[in-house]
Amino acid sequence: MSKILRFFDLHNGEDKKETVLESVVSNISFRGANAWILACAIVIASIGLNVNSTAVIIGAMLISPLMRPIVGAGFALGTFDFALLQ
């Protein structure tokens, strides 16, 4: 029974909060390469909308760098770190 409980233990392999915070903070900015990738994703999505192609729009969503800021916002709300949310 203890093997089963250890298998489902959510704290097994957990990172420290400081390490996660440092990783999230370093990846939430829209500067440099992220801004260029976002601009390219916007152009590709616009082309996909003009030619009515679902596959091209999904491709633009896949290259869009929006996931990092979304994870940052979720982490800030989950840890009540409202300074990070701004």
C-alpha atoms as a PDB file:
ATOM      1  CA  MET A   1       0.000   0.000   0.000  1.00  0.00           C
ATOM      2  CA  SER A   2       2.835   2.414   0.765  1.00  0.00           C
ATOM      3  CA  LYS A   3       4.251   1.900  -2.756  1.00  0.00           C
ATOM      4  CA  ILE A   4       0.943   3.009  -4.231  1.00  0.00           C
ATOM      5  CA  LEU A   5       0.823   6.065  -1.994  1.00  0.00           C
ATOM      6  CA  ARG A   6       4.410   7.002  -2.928  1.00  0.00           C
ATOM      7  CA  PHE A   7       3.518   6.605  -6.608  1.00  0.00           C
ATOM      8  CA  PHE A   8       0.710   9.146  -6.322  1.00  0.00           C
ATOM      9  CA  ASP A   9       2.603  11.546  -4.023  1.00  0.00           C
ATOM     10  CA  LEU A  10       2.352  15.001  -5.612  1.00  0.00           C
ATOM     11  CA  HIS A  11       5.410  16.314  -3.771  1.00  0.00           C
ATOM     12  CA  ASN A  12       7.743  13.730  -5.306  1.00  0.00           C
ATOM     13  CA  GLY A  13      10.006  15.525  -7.783  1.00  0.00           C
ATOM     14  CA  GLU A  14       8.721  18.951  -6.828  1.00  0.00           C
ATOM     15  CA  ASP A  15      10.974  21.937  -7.574  1.00  0.00           C
ATOM     16  CA  LYS A  16      11.623  24.726  -5.118  1.00  0.00           C
ATOM     17  CA  LYS A  17       9.373  27.776  -5.423  1.00  0.00           C
ATOM     18  CA  GLU A  18      12.369  30.072  -5.958  1.00  0.00           C
ATOM     19  CA  THR A  19      13.570  28.010  -8.924  1.00  0.00           C
ATOM     20  CA  VAL A  20      10.141  28.020 -10.541  1.00  0.00           C
ATOM     21  CA  LEU A  21       9.710  31.747  -9.897  1.00  0.00           C
ATOM     22  CA  GLU A  22      13.073  32.521 -11.492  1.00  0.00           C
ATOM     23  CA  SER A  23      12.205  30.435 -14.551  1.00  0.00           C
ATOM     24  CA  VAL A  24       8.760  32.004 -14.982  1.00  0.00           C
ATOM     25  CA  VAL A  25      10.007  35.578 -14.522  1.00  0.00           C
ATOM     26  CA  SER A  26      12.781  35.102 -17.082  1.00  0.00           C
ATOM     27  CA  ASN A  27      10.340  33.796 -19.728  1.00  0.00           C
ATOM     28  CA  ILE A  28       7.370  36.196 -19.573  1.00  0.00           C
ATOM     29  CA  SER A  29       8.715  39.218 -21.418  1.00  0.00           C
ATOM     30  CA  PHE A  30       7.694  40.328 -24.915  1.00  0.00           C
ATOM     31  CA  ARG A  31      11.064  41.729 -25.901  1.00  0.00           C
ATOM     32  CA  GLY A  32      13.593  40.758 -28.518  1.00  0.00           C
ATOM     33  CA  ALA A  33      13.001  37.411 -30.177  1.00  0.00           C
ATOM     34  CA  ASN A  34       9.577  36.919 -28.587  1.00  0.00           C
ATOM     35  CA  ALA A  35       8.299  40.122 -30.198  1.00  0.00           C
ATOM     36  CA  TRP A  36       9.589  39.061 -33.626  1.00  0.00           C
ATOM     37  CA  ILE A  37       8.131  35.575 -33.338  1.00  0.00           C
ATOM     38  CA  LEU A  38       4.793  37.073 -32.298  1.00  0.00           C
ATOM     39  CA  ALA A  39       4.869  39.427 -35.305  1.00  0.00           C
ATOM     40  CA  CYS A  40       5.558  36.489 -37.636  1.00  0.00           C
ATOM     41  CA  ALA A  41       2.733  34.486 -36.042  1.00  0.00           C
ATOM     42  CA  ILE A  42       0.366  37.430 -36.572  1.00  0.00           C
ATOM     43  CA  VAL A  43       1.321  37.637 -40.261  1.00  0.00           C
ATOM     44  CA  ILE A  44       0.870  33.891 -40.730  1.00  0.00           C
ATOM     45  CA  ALA A  45      -2.489  33.937 -38.939  1.00  0.00           C
ATOM     46  CA  SER A  46      -3.625  36.863 -41.107  1.00  0.00           C
ATOM     47  CA  ILE A  47      -2.717  34.945 -44.252  1.00  0.00           C
ATOM     48  CA  GLY A  48      -4.574  31.916 -42.905  1.00  0.00           C
ATOM     49  CA  LEU A  49      -7.667  34.023 -42.282  1.00  0.00           C
ATOM     50  CA  ASN A  50      -7.488  35.541 -45.766  1.00  0.00           C
ATOM     51  CA  VAL A  51      -7.266  32.151 -47.503  1.00  0.00           C
ATOM     52  CA  ASN A  52      -9.712  30.526 -45.053  1.00  0.00           C
ATOM     53  CA  SER A  53      -7.227  27.823 -44.033  1.00  0.00           C
ATOM     54  CA  THR A  54      -7.690  26.263 -40.616  1.00  0.00           C
ATOM     55  CA  ALA A  55      -4.333  24.481 -40.827  1.00  0.00           C
ATOM     56  CA  VAL A  56      -2.426  27.733 -41.340  1.00  0.00           C
ATOM     57  CA  ILE A  57      -4.200  29.386 -38.411  1.00  0.00           C
ATOM     58  CA  ILE A  58      -3.370  26.419 -36.164  1.00  0.00           C
ATOM     59  CA  GLY A  59       0.242  26.622 -37.360  1.00  0.00           C
ATOM     60  CA  ALA A  60       0.352  30.293 -36.396  1.00  0.00           C
ATOM     61  CA  MET A  61      -0.966  29.398 -32.939  1.00  0.00           C
ATOM     62  CA  LEU A  62       1.755  26.775 -32.553  1.00  0.00           C
ATOM     63  CA  ILE A  63       4.594  29.217 -33.206  1.00  0.00           C
ATOM     64  CA  SER A  64       3.071  32.017 -31.160  1.00  0.00           C
ATOM     65  CA  PRO A  65       5.043  32.773 -27.979  1.00  0.00           C
ATOM     66  CA  LEU A  66       1.929  33.530 -25.917  1.00  0.00           C
ATOM     67  CA  MET A  67       2.144  30.460 -23.684  1.00  0.00           C
ATOM     68  CA  ARG A  68       4.919  31.851 -21.490  1.00  0.00           C
ATOM     69  CA  PRO A  69       2.978  34.985 -20.441  1.00  0.00           C
ATOM     70  CA  ILE A  70      -0.132  32.871 -19.828  1.00  0.00           C
ATOM     71  CA  VAL A  71       1.864  30.542 -17.564  1.00  0.00           C
ATOM     72  CA  GLY A  72       3.324  33.610 -15.829  1.00  0.00           C
ATOM     73  CA  ALA A  73      -0.132  35.053 -15.192  1.00  0.00           C
ATOM     74  CA  GLY A  74      -1.389  31.728 -13.844  1.00  0.00           C
ATOM     75  CA  PHE A  75       1.642  31.360 -11.589  1.00  0.00           C
ATOM     76  CA  ALA A  76       1.196  34.914 -10.293  1.00  0.00           C
ATOM     77  CA  LEU A  77      -2.471  34.322  -9.513  1.00  0.00           C
ATOM     78  CA  GLY A  78      -1.767  30.925  -7.946  1.00  0.00           C
ATOM     79  CA  THR A  79       0.902  32.299  -5.627  1.00  0.00           C
ATOM     80  CA  PHE A  80      -0.855  35.658  -4.995  1.00  0.00           C
ATOM     81  CA  ASP A  81       2.179  37.510  -6.404  1.00  0.00           C
ATOM     82  CA  PHE A  82       0.349  40.508  -7.865  1.00  0.00           C
ATOM     83  CA  ALA A  83       3.592  42.375  -8.581  1.00  0.00           C
ATOM     84  CA  LEU A  84       4.473  39.625 -11.080  1.00  0.00           C
ATOM     85  CA  LEU A  85       1.005  39.918 -12.644  1.00  0.00           C
ATOM     86  CA  GLN A  86       1.587  43.536 -13.622  1.00  0.00           C
END
